[in-house]
C-alpha atoms as a PDB file:
ATOM      1  CA  MET A   1      39.541  32.403  -2.842  1.00  0.00           C
ATOM      2  CA  SER A   2      38.023  35.611  -1.511  1.00  0.00           C
ATOM      3  CA  PRO A   3      35.447  35.968   1.015  1.00  0.00           C
ATOM      4  CA  GLN A   4      33.413  37.476  -1.972  1.00  0.00           C
ATOM      5  CA  GLY A   5      34.150  34.837  -4.132  1.00  0.00           C
ATOM      6  CA  LEU A   6      33.070  32.408  -1.405  1.00  0.00           C
ATOM      7  CA  LEU A   7      29.595  34.454  -0.889  1.00  0.00           C
ATOM      8  CA  LEU A   8      29.439  34.262  -5.048  1.00  0.00           C
ATOM      9  CA  ALA A   9      29.555  30.603  -4.731  1.00  0.00           C
ATOM     10  CA  PHE A  10      27.155  30.021  -2.196  1.00  0.00           C
ATOM     11  CA  ALA A  11      24.858  31.899  -3.866  1.00  0.00           C
ATOM     12  CA  VAL A  12      25.010  29.868  -7.041  1.00  0.00           C
ATOM     13  CA  LEU A  13      24.873  26.866  -4.746  1.00  0.00           C
ATOM     14  CA  LEU A  14      21.527  27.862  -3.708  1.00  0.00           C
ATOM     15  CA  ALA A  15      20.176  28.828  -6.970  1.00  0.00           C
ATOM     16  CA  ALA A  16      20.936  25.345  -7.988  1.00  0.00           C
ATOM     17  CA  LEU A  17      18.781  23.568  -5.191  1.00  0.00           C
ATOM     18  CA  PRO A  18      15.396  22.990  -5.444  1.00  0.00           C
ATOM     19  CA  ALA A  19      12.836  25.416  -4.256  1.00  0.00           C
ATOM     20  CA  ARG A  20      10.859  24.304  -0.384  1.00  0.00           C
ATOM     21  CA  ALA A  21       8.105  26.759  -1.088  1.00  0.00           C
ATOM     22  CA  GLU A  22       5.885  24.698   0.820  1.00  0.00           C
ATOM     23  CA  THR A  23       6.290  21.936   3.037  1.00  0.00           C
ATOM     24  CA  LEU A  24       3.497  19.019   4.445  1.00  0.00           C
ATOM     25  CA  ILE A  25       2.507  18.281   8.129  1.00  0.00           C
ATOM     26  CA  VAL A  26       0.608  14.833   8.252  1.00  0.00           C
ATOM     27  CA  ALA A  27      -0.970  13.080  10.783  1.00  0.00           C
ATOM     28  CA  LEU A  28      -2.725   9.885  11.086  1.00  0.00           C
ATOM     29  CA  SER A  29      -5.849   8.323  13.323  1.00  0.00           C
ATOM     30  CA  SER A  30      -4.043   5.773  14.139  1.00  0.00           C
ATOM     31  CA  GLN A  31      -0.085   3.840  13.682  1.00  0.00           C
ATOM     32  CA  GLN A  32      -1.549   0.790  14.667  1.00  0.00           C
ATOM     33  CA  VAL A  33      -4.011  -1.919  13.657  1.00  0.00           C
ATOM     34  CA  ARG A  34      -4.488  -4.741  15.478  1.00  0.00           C
ATOM     35  CA  ILE A  35      -6.327  -7.986  14.105  1.00  0.00           C
ATOM     36  CA  SER A  36      -8.359  -9.964  16.487  1.00  0.00           C
ATOM     37  CA  SER A  37     -10.489 -13.076  16.450  1.00  0.00           C
ATOM     38  CA  ASN A  38     -13.986 -10.709  15.623  1.00  0.00           C
ATOM     39  CA  PHE A  39     -11.859  -8.007  13.313  1.00  0.00           C
ATOM     40  CA  THR A  40     -13.917  -7.292  10.043  1.00  0.00           C
ATOM     41  CA  GLY A  41     -11.734  -4.406   8.928  1.00  0.00           C
ATOM     42  CA  SER A  42     -10.855  -1.160   9.763  1.00  0.00           C
ATOM     43  CA  SER A  43      -9.588   2.261   8.743  1.00  0.00           C
ATOM     44  CA  ILE A  44      -7.282   4.812   8.629  1.00  0.00           C
ATOM     45  CA  THR A  45      -7.908   8.973   8.584  1.00  0.00           C
ATOM     46  CA  VAL A  46      -4.983  10.978   7.169  1.00  0.00           C
ATOM     47  CA  PHE A  47      -5.572  14.650   7.715  1.00  0.00           C
ATOM     48  CA  GLY A  48      -2.728  17.010   6.292  1.00  0.00           C
ATOM     49  CA  ALA A  49      -2.017  20.407   6.288  1.00  0.00           C
ATOM     50  CA  VAL A  50       0.457  22.363   3.904  1.00  0.00           C
ATOM     51  CA  GLU A  51       2.479  24.940   5.348  1.00  0.00           C
ATOM     52  CA  ARG A  52       4.428  27.650   3.413  1.00  0.00           C
ATOM     53  CA  ASP A  53       7.387  29.631   4.356  1.00  0.00           C
ATOM     54  CA  ALA A  54       7.478  33.161   4.286  1.00  0.00           C
ATOM     55  CA  ALA A  55       8.808  34.276   1.192  1.00  0.00           C
ATOM     56  CA  THR A  56       5.769  32.588  -0.767  1.00  0.00           C
ATOM     57  CA  VAL A  57       3.821  34.123  -2.568  1.00  0.00           C
ATOM     58  CA  SER A  58       0.120  33.230  -3.033  1.00  0.00           C
ATOM     59  CA  ARG A  59      -0.866  30.906  -6.233  1.00  0.00           C
ATOM     60  CA  ALA A  60      -3.487  31.444  -8.874  1.00  0.00           C
ATOM     61  CA  ALA A  61      -4.046  27.588  -8.934  1.00  0.00           C
ATOM     62  CA  PHE A  62      -5.115  24.840  -6.310  1.00  0.00           C
ATOM     63  CA  TYR A  63      -3.360  22.364  -4.285  1.00  0.00           C
ATOM     64  CA  ASP A  64      -3.738  18.474  -5.629  1.00  0.00           C
ATOM     65  CA  VAL A  65      -3.115  15.749  -3.090  1.00  0.00           C
ATOM     66  CA  VAL A  66      -2.447  12.159  -3.751  1.00  0.00           C
ATOM     67  CA  VAL A  67      -2.259   9.991  -0.846  1.00  0.00           C
ATOM     68  CA  VAL A  68      -1.318   6.376  -1.295  1.00  0.00           C
ATOM     69  CA  VAL A  69      -0.848   3.524   1.518  1.00  0.00           C
ATOM     70  CA  LYS A  70       1.385   0.123   0.018  1.00  0.00           C
ATOM     71  CA  GLY A  71       1.542  -2.754   2.195  1.00  0.00           C
ATOM     72  CA  PRO A  72       4.242  -5.024   2.583  1.00  0.00           C
ATOM     73  CA  ALA A  73       6.292  -6.295  -0.298  1.00  0.00           C
ATOM     74  CA  GLU A  74       5.358 -10.246  -1.836  1.00  0.00           C
ATOM     75  CA  THR A  75       5.799 -12.907  -4.165  1.00  0.00           C
ATOM     76  CA  VAL A  76       3.163 -14.306  -6.056  1.00  0.00           C
ATOM     77  CA  VAL A  77       2.616 -16.327  -9.164  1.00  0.00           C
ATOM     78  CA  THR A  78      -0.251 -16.159 -11.342  1.00  0.00           C
ATOM     79  CA  ARG A  79      -1.288 -19.140 -13.577  1.00  0.00           C
ATOM     80  CA  LYS A  80      -3.289 -19.807 -16.017  1.00  0.00           C
ATOM     81  CA  LYS A  81      -6.197 -22.568 -17.252  1.00  0.00           C
ATOM     82  CA  ASP A  82      -6.071 -23.796 -20.351  1.00  0.00           C
ATOM     83  CA  ARG A  83      -8.979 -26.846 -21.260  1.00  0.00           C
ATOM     84  CA  PHE A  84      -7.206 -30.240 -21.781  1.00  0.00           C
ATOM     85  CA  LEU A  85      -9.622 -33.347 -22.305  1.00  0.00           C
ATOM     86  CA  GLY A  86     -12.140 -31.322 -21.250  1.00  0.00           C
ATOM     87  CA  VAL A  87     -11.045 -30.328 -17.813  1.00  0.00           C
ATOM     88  CA  TRP A  88      -9.305 -26.954 -16.711  1.00  0.00           C
ATOM     89  CA  LEU A  89      -5.395 -27.371 -15.878  1.00  0.00           C
ATOM     90  CA  ASN A  90      -3.157 -24.988 -14.615  1.00  0.00           C
ATOM     91  CA  ARG A  91      -0.758 -24.334 -17.318  1.00  0.00           C
ATOM     92  CA  SER A  92       1.512 -21.309 -17.605  1.00  0.00           C
ATOM     93  CA  SER A  93       2.201 -18.976 -14.868  1.00  0.00           C
ATOM     94  CA  ARG A  94       4.060 -15.965 -14.090  1.00  0.00           C
ATOM     95  CA  THR A  95       6.022 -15.031 -10.875  1.00  0.00           C
ATOM     96  CA  PHE A  96       5.951 -11.292  -9.815  1.00  0.00           C
ATOM     97  CA  VAL A  97       8.061 -10.359  -7.341  1.00  0.00           C
ATOM     98  CA  ASN A  98       8.473  -7.063  -4.570  1.00  0.00           C
ATOM     99  CA  VAL A  99       4.903  -6.228  -5.277  1.00  0.00           C
ATOM    100  CA  PRO A 100       2.476  -4.631  -2.767  1.00  0.00           C
ATOM    101  CA  SER A 101       0.271  -7.112  -1.118  1.00  0.00           C
ATOM    102  CA  PHE A 102      -2.035  -3.819  -0.218  1.00  0.00           C
ATOM    103  CA  TYR A 103      -2.580  -0.727  -2.244  1.00  0.00           C
ATOM    104  CA  ALA A 104      -5.021   2.101  -2.217  1.00  0.00           C
ATOM    105  CA  MET A 105      -4.663   5.620  -3.707  1.00  0.00           C
ATOM    106  CA  HIS A 106      -6.709   8.313  -3.295  1.00  0.00           C
ATOM    107  CA  ALA A 107      -6.710  11.876  -4.974  1.00  0.00           C
ATOM    108  CA  SER A 108      -8.608  14.839  -5.041  1.00  0.00           C
ATOM    109  CA  ARG A 109      -8.957  14.824  -8.750  1.00  0.00           C
ATOM    110  CA  PRO A 110      -8.555  12.219 -11.696  1.00  0.00           C
ATOM    111  CA  LEU A 111      -4.850  11.365 -11.834  1.00  0.00           C
ATOM    112  CA  GLU A 112      -4.896  12.354 -15.393  1.00  0.00           C
ATOM    113  CA  GLN A 113      -6.064  15.752 -14.158  1.00  0.00           C
ATOM    114  CA  VAL A 114      -3.252  16.043 -10.955  1.00  0.00           C
ATOM    115  CA  THR A 115       0.025  15.955 -13.458  1.00  0.00           C
ATOM    116  CA  THR A 116       1.928  14.477 -15.901  1.00  0.00           C
ATOM    117  CA  PRO A 117       1.720  10.910 -17.056  1.00  0.00           C
ATOM    118  CA  GLN A 118       5.901  10.868 -16.538  1.00  0.00           C
ATOM    119  CA  LEU A 119       5.649  11.635 -12.590  1.00  0.00           C
ATOM    120  CA  LEU A 120       2.763   9.345 -12.785  1.00  0.00           C
ATOM    121  CA  LYS A 121       5.005   6.427 -13.934  1.00  0.00           C
ATOM    122  CA  ARG A 122       7.764   7.878 -11.471  1.00  0.00           C
ATOM    123  CA  TYR A 123       6.199   7.284  -8.425  1.00  0.00           C
ATOM    124  CA  GLN A 124       3.804   4.355  -9.658  1.00  0.00           C
ATOM    125  CA  LEU A 125       0.754   6.424  -8.891  1.00  0.00           C
ATOM    126  CA  GLY A 126      -2.800   4.141  -9.723  1.00  0.00           C
ATOM    127  CA  THR A 127      -2.712   0.978  -9.891  1.00  0.00           C
ATOM    128  CA  ASP A 128      -1.608   1.154 -13.869  1.00  0.00           C
ATOM    129  CA  GLN A 129       1.350   2.503 -13.127  1.00  0.00           C
ATOM    130  CA  ILE A 130       2.951  -0.054 -10.237  1.00  0.00           C
ATOM    131  CA  VAL A 131       6.056  -1.646 -11.560  1.00  0.00           C
ATOM    132  CA  PHE A 132       5.753  -5.056 -11.494  1.00  0.00           C
ATOM    133  CA  PRO A 133       9.086  -7.204 -11.136  1.00  0.00           C
ATOM    134  CA  VAL A 134       8.895 -10.862 -13.482  1.00  0.00           C
ATOM    135  CA  VAL A 135      11.018 -13.714 -12.646  1.00  0.00           C
ATOM    136  CA  ALA A 136      12.080 -15.018 -16.176  1.00  0.00           C
ATOM    137  CA  ASP A 137      12.836 -18.885 -16.438  1.00  0.00           C
ATOM    138  CA  ASP A 138      16.702 -18.278 -15.926  1.00  0.00           C
ATOM    139  CA  GLY A 139      16.261 -16.535 -12.221  1.00  0.00           C
ATOM    140  CA  ALA A 140      16.989 -13.104 -13.877  1.00  0.00           C
ATOM    141  CA  VAL A 141      14.783 -10.157 -12.826  1.00  0.00           C
ATOM    142  CA  SER A 142      13.011  -8.115 -15.461  1.00  0.00           C
ATOM    143  CA  ALA A 143      10.316  -4.721 -14.880  1.00  0.00           C
ATOM    144  CA  GLU A 144       8.484  -6.158 -17.605  1.00  0.00           C
ATOM    145  CA  ALA A 145       5.316  -7.981 -17.296  1.00  0.00           C
ATOM    146  CA  GLY A 146       2.548  -9.827 -19.347  1.00  0.00           C
ATOM    147  CA  ASP A 147      -0.523  -7.655 -19.391  1.00  0.00           C
ATOM    148  CA  ALA A 148      -2.835 -10.777 -19.336  1.00  0.00           C
ATOM    149  CA  TYR A 149      -0.605 -11.641 -16.024  1.00  0.00           C
ATOM    150  CA  ARG A 150      -1.143  -8.276 -14.807  1.00  0.00           C
ATOM    151  CA  GLU A 151      -4.347  -7.685 -15.050  1.00  0.00           C
ATOM    152  CA  ALA A 152      -5.786 -10.564 -13.974  1.00  0.00           C
ATOM    153  CA  PHE A 153      -3.698 -10.135 -10.686  1.00  0.00           C
ATOM    154  CA  VAL A 154      -4.928  -6.750 -10.259  1.00  0.00           C
ATOM    155  CA  ARG A 155      -8.540  -7.800 -10.948  1.00  0.00           C
ATOM    156  CA  LEU A 156      -8.300 -10.257  -8.299  1.00  0.00           C
ATOM    157  CA  LYS A 157      -6.694  -8.214  -6.162  1.00  0.00           C
ATOM    158  CA  SER A 158      -9.555  -5.204  -6.744  1.00  0.00           C
ATOM    159  CA  ASN A 159     -11.938  -7.664  -5.857  1.00  0.00           C
ATOM    160  CA  ALA A 160     -10.628  -8.308  -3.098  1.00  0.00           C
ATOM    161  CA  ARG A 161     -10.535  -4.725  -1.803  1.00  0.00           C
ATOM    162  CA  LEU A 162      -6.541  -5.085  -1.400  1.00  0.00           C
ATOM    163  CA  TYR A 163      -6.200  -2.819  -4.257  1.00  0.00           C
ATOM    164  CA  GLN A 164      -8.002   0.147  -4.509  1.00  0.00           C
ATOM    165  CA  SER A 165      -8.276   4.051  -6.591  1.00  0.00           C
ATOM    166  CA  HIS A 166     -10.179   6.434  -5.603  1.00  0.00           C
ATOM    167  CA  PRO A 167     -10.477   9.832  -7.298  1.00  0.00           C
ATOM    168  CA  TYR A 168     -11.808  12.769  -5.425  1.00  0.00           C
ATOM    169  CA  ALA A 169     -11.419  10.861  -2.409  1.00  0.00           C
ATOM    170  CA  VAL A 170      -9.377  13.632  -0.655  1.00  0.00           C
ATOM    171  CA  SER A 171     -11.139  16.524   0.444  1.00  0.00           C
ATOM    172  CA  PHE A 172     -10.176  20.276   1.358  1.00  0.00           C
ATOM    173  CA  PRO A 173     -11.688  21.348   4.817  1.00  0.00           C
ATOM    174  CA  GLY A 174      -9.710  24.490   4.159  1.00  0.00           C
ATOM    175  CA  ALA A 175      -7.818  25.955   1.437  1.00  0.00           C
ATOM    176  CA  GLU A 176      -4.873  24.550   2.858  1.00  0.00           C
ATOM    177  CA  ILE A 177      -6.018  21.324   5.021  1.00  0.00           C
ATOM    178  CA  PHE A 178      -6.919  18.022   3.093  1.00  0.00           C
ATOM    179  CA  GLN A 179      -7.727  14.685   4.320  1.00  0.00           C
ATOM    180  CA  THR A 180      -9.224  11.306   3.755  1.00  0.00           C
ATOM    181  CA  THR A 181      -9.648   7.569   5.053  1.00  0.00           C
ATOM    182  CA  ILE A 182      -7.955   4.414   4.040  1.00  0.00           C
ATOM    183  CA  GLU A 183     -10.401   1.545   3.965  1.00  0.00           C
ATOM    184  CA  LEU A 184      -8.445  -1.538   5.165  1.00  0.00           C
ATOM    185  CA  PRO A 185     -10.665  -5.230   4.872  1.00  0.00           C
ATOM    186  CA  ALA A 186     -10.465  -7.941   7.317  1.00  0.00           C
ATOM    187  CA  ASN A 187      -8.581  -9.533   4.787  1.00  0.00           C
ATOM    188  CA  VAL A 188      -5.711  -7.025   4.857  1.00  0.00           C
ATOM    189  CA  PRO A 189      -2.044  -8.728   5.619  1.00  0.00           C
ATOM    190  CA  THR A 190       0.407  -7.542   8.220  1.00  0.00           C
ATOM    191  CA  GLY A 191       3.417  -6.009   8.523  1.00  0.00           C
ATOM    192  CA  ARG A 192       4.405  -2.715   7.828  1.00  0.00           C
ATOM    193  CA  TYR A 193       2.981  -0.350   5.976  1.00  0.00           C
ATOM    194  CA  VAL A 194       3.762   2.849   3.692  1.00  0.00           C
ATOM    195  CA  THR A 195       1.421   5.512   3.603  1.00  0.00           C
ATOM    196  CA  THR A 196       2.575   8.545   1.552  1.00  0.00           C
ATOM    197  CA  VAL A 197       0.982  12.246   0.709  1.00  0.00           C
ATOM    198  CA  TYR A 198       2.167  14.194  -2.307  1.00  0.00           C
ATOM    199  CA  LEU A 199       1.116  17.752  -2.950  1.00  0.00           C
ATOM    200  CA  PHE A 200       1.224  18.680  -6.231  1.00  0.00           C
ATOM    201  CA  ARG A 201       0.000  22.239  -7.901  1.00  0.00           C
ATOM    202  CA  ASP A 202      -0.223  22.807 -11.941  1.00  0.00           C
ATOM    203  CA  GLY A 203       0.779  19.445 -12.407  1.00  0.00           C
ATOM    204  CA  ALA A 204       4.199  19.600 -10.561  1.00  0.00           C
ATOM    205  CA  LEU A 205       5.156  17.733  -7.528  1.00  0.00           C
ATOM    206  CA  LEU A 206       5.713  20.409  -4.738  1.00  0.00           C
ATOM    207  CA  ALA A 207       6.265  18.149  -1.751  1.00  0.00           C
ATOM    208  CA  SER A 208       5.780  14.788  -0.157  1.00  0.00           C
ATOM    209  CA  LYS A 209       5.921  13.297   3.413  1.00  0.00           C
ATOM    210  CA  GLU A 210       5.591   9.245   4.604  1.00  0.00           C
ATOM    211  CA  GLU A 211       4.239   8.138   7.649  1.00  0.00           C
ATOM    212  CA  PRO A 212       4.051   4.360   8.556  1.00  0.00           C
ATOM    213  CA  ILE A 213       1.434   2.091   9.607  1.00  0.00           C
ATOM    214  CA  ILE A 214       1.361  -1.569  11.410  1.00  0.00           C
ATOM    215  CA  VAL A 215      -0.453  -4.020  11.132  1.00  0.00           C
ATOM    216  CA  VAL A 216      -0.402  -6.880  13.501  1.00  0.00           C
ATOM    217  CA  LYS A 217      -2.043  -9.482  14.923  1.00  0.00           C
ATOM    218  CA  SER A 218      -3.557  -9.867  18.904  1.00  0.00           C
ATOM    219  CA  GLY A 219      -4.741 -12.211  21.030  1.00  0.00           C
ATOM    220  CA  PHE A 220      -5.473 -15.498  20.128  1.00  0.00           C
ATOM    221  CA  GLU A 221      -4.381 -15.179  16.847  1.00  0.00           C
ATOM    222  CA  GLN A 222      -0.911 -13.637  17.713  1.00  0.00           C
ATOM    223  CA  THR A 223      -0.603 -16.544  20.017  1.00  0.00           C
ATOM    224  CA  SER A 224      -1.276 -19.014  18.137  1.00  0.00           C
ATOM    225  CA  TYR A 225       0.915 -17.625  15.391  1.00  0.00           C
ATOM    226  CA  ALA A 226       3.901 -17.191  17.324  1.00  0.00           C
ATOM    227  CA  LEU A 227       3.290 -20.869  18.483  1.00  0.00           C
ATOM    228  CA  ALA A 228       3.224 -22.070  14.885  1.00  0.00           C
ATOM    229  CA  GLN A 229       6.093 -20.214  13.855  1.00  0.00           C
ATOM    230  CA  SER A 230       8.782 -21.093  17.034  1.00  0.00           C
ATOM    231  CA  GLN A 231       7.123 -24.354  18.352  1.00  0.00           C
ATOM    232  CA  GLY A 232       5.858 -26.137  15.097  1.00  0.00           C
ATOM    233  CA  PHE A 233       6.078 -29.798  17.312  1.00  0.00           C
ATOM    234  CA  LEU A 234       3.910 -28.034  20.317  1.00  0.00           C
ATOM    235  CA  TYR A 235       1.554 -26.116  17.855  1.00  0.00           C
ATOM    236  CA  GLY A 236       0.919 -29.457  15.942  1.00  0.00           C
ATOM    237  CA  LEU A 237       0.525 -31.482  19.423  1.00  0.00           C
ATOM    238  CA  ALA A 238      -2.248 -29.109  20.398  1.00  0.00           C
ATOM    239  CA  VAL A 239      -4.033 -29.168  17.133  1.00  0.00           C
ATOM    240  CA  VAL A 240      -4.169 -32.916  17.261  1.00  0.00           C
ATOM    241  CA  LEU A 241      -5.224 -32.696  20.611  1.00  0.00           C
ATOM    242  CA  LEU A 242      -7.943 -30.129  20.262  1.00  0.00           C
ATOM    243  CA  ALA A 243      -9.517 -31.998  17.288  1.00  0.00           C
ATOM    244  CA  ILE A 244      -9.999 -35.386  18.887  1.00  0.00           C
ATOM    245  CA  PHE A 245     -11.283 -33.660  22.108  1.00  0.00           C
ATOM    246  CA  THR A 246     -13.757 -31.822  19.335  1.00  0.00           C
ATOM    247  CA  GLY A 247     -14.749 -34.913  17.732  1.00  0.00           C
ATOM    248  CA  TRP A 248     -15.182 -36.764  21.520  1.00  0.00           C
ATOM    249  CA  LEU A 249     -17.406 -33.694  22.779  1.00  0.00           C
ATOM    250  CA  ALA A 250     -19.295 -33.730  19.349  1.00  0.00           C
ATOM    251  CA  GLY A 251     -20.247 -37.515  20.019  1.00  0.00           C
ATOM    252  CA  VAL A 252     -21.312 -36.914  23.743  1.00  0.00           C
ATOM    253  CA  ILE A 253     -23.677 -34.502  22.593  1.00  0.00           C
ATOM    254  CA  PHE A 254     -25.220 -36.024  19.566  1.00  0.00           C
ATOM    255  CA  ARG A 255     -25.029 -39.723  21.044  1.00  0.00           C
ATOM    256  CA  ARG A 256     -28.177 -41.439  20.801  1.00  0.00           C
ATOM    257  CA  ASP A 257     -28.957 -43.492  24.031  1.00  0.00           C
END
């Protein structure tokens, strides 16, 4: 192929590639959260800026930003209670697999004003869009979930502050600078979290960027957890001895002469 042909093919290839006019610069106030005995919750502030290349012209519409924090995946069983002979019993159940143990969504505006329903569903933006795979009785995995079970699970998670949705929670101190603060409750699970920042304009997704967060136990909690996982016998023996000592000490303190 001639040099002119190669140049033409390269130009066609470049034209076929998506434009990357805007990029995101994202920073977190902390990328590690330590849980100790007096842990009452924490917060992570997400800072960001929109960087445009030299060829990008100024746009008339303003930017929208959506920040999503997902915790480690978990498998949960939701059960439905029915009344039987005057007693409430667990009857039917639904098992959800690989669902986020924690989910927080902060947006600069309500999601329906940010982008299209198709993009909300594709990127699972908002608790209504989270995919809930279900394990059927034969062990097969399906992406469809019953509304009643799903709504009950989301409601319980929301009551525990483990699922959060906050429109108008992303602020813009400058035209191309944004920030938001994610609250982590005291019952937040440990593990690796992923913070994803999405940049929209006129309903179109322009860029996205991910940053990790690690939530770990520290101090006595971490020591006891590690001992329980690796040395089960020693952990059980220590618990028994501690219970005996506590009972003996209580008897000494409250003994009546």
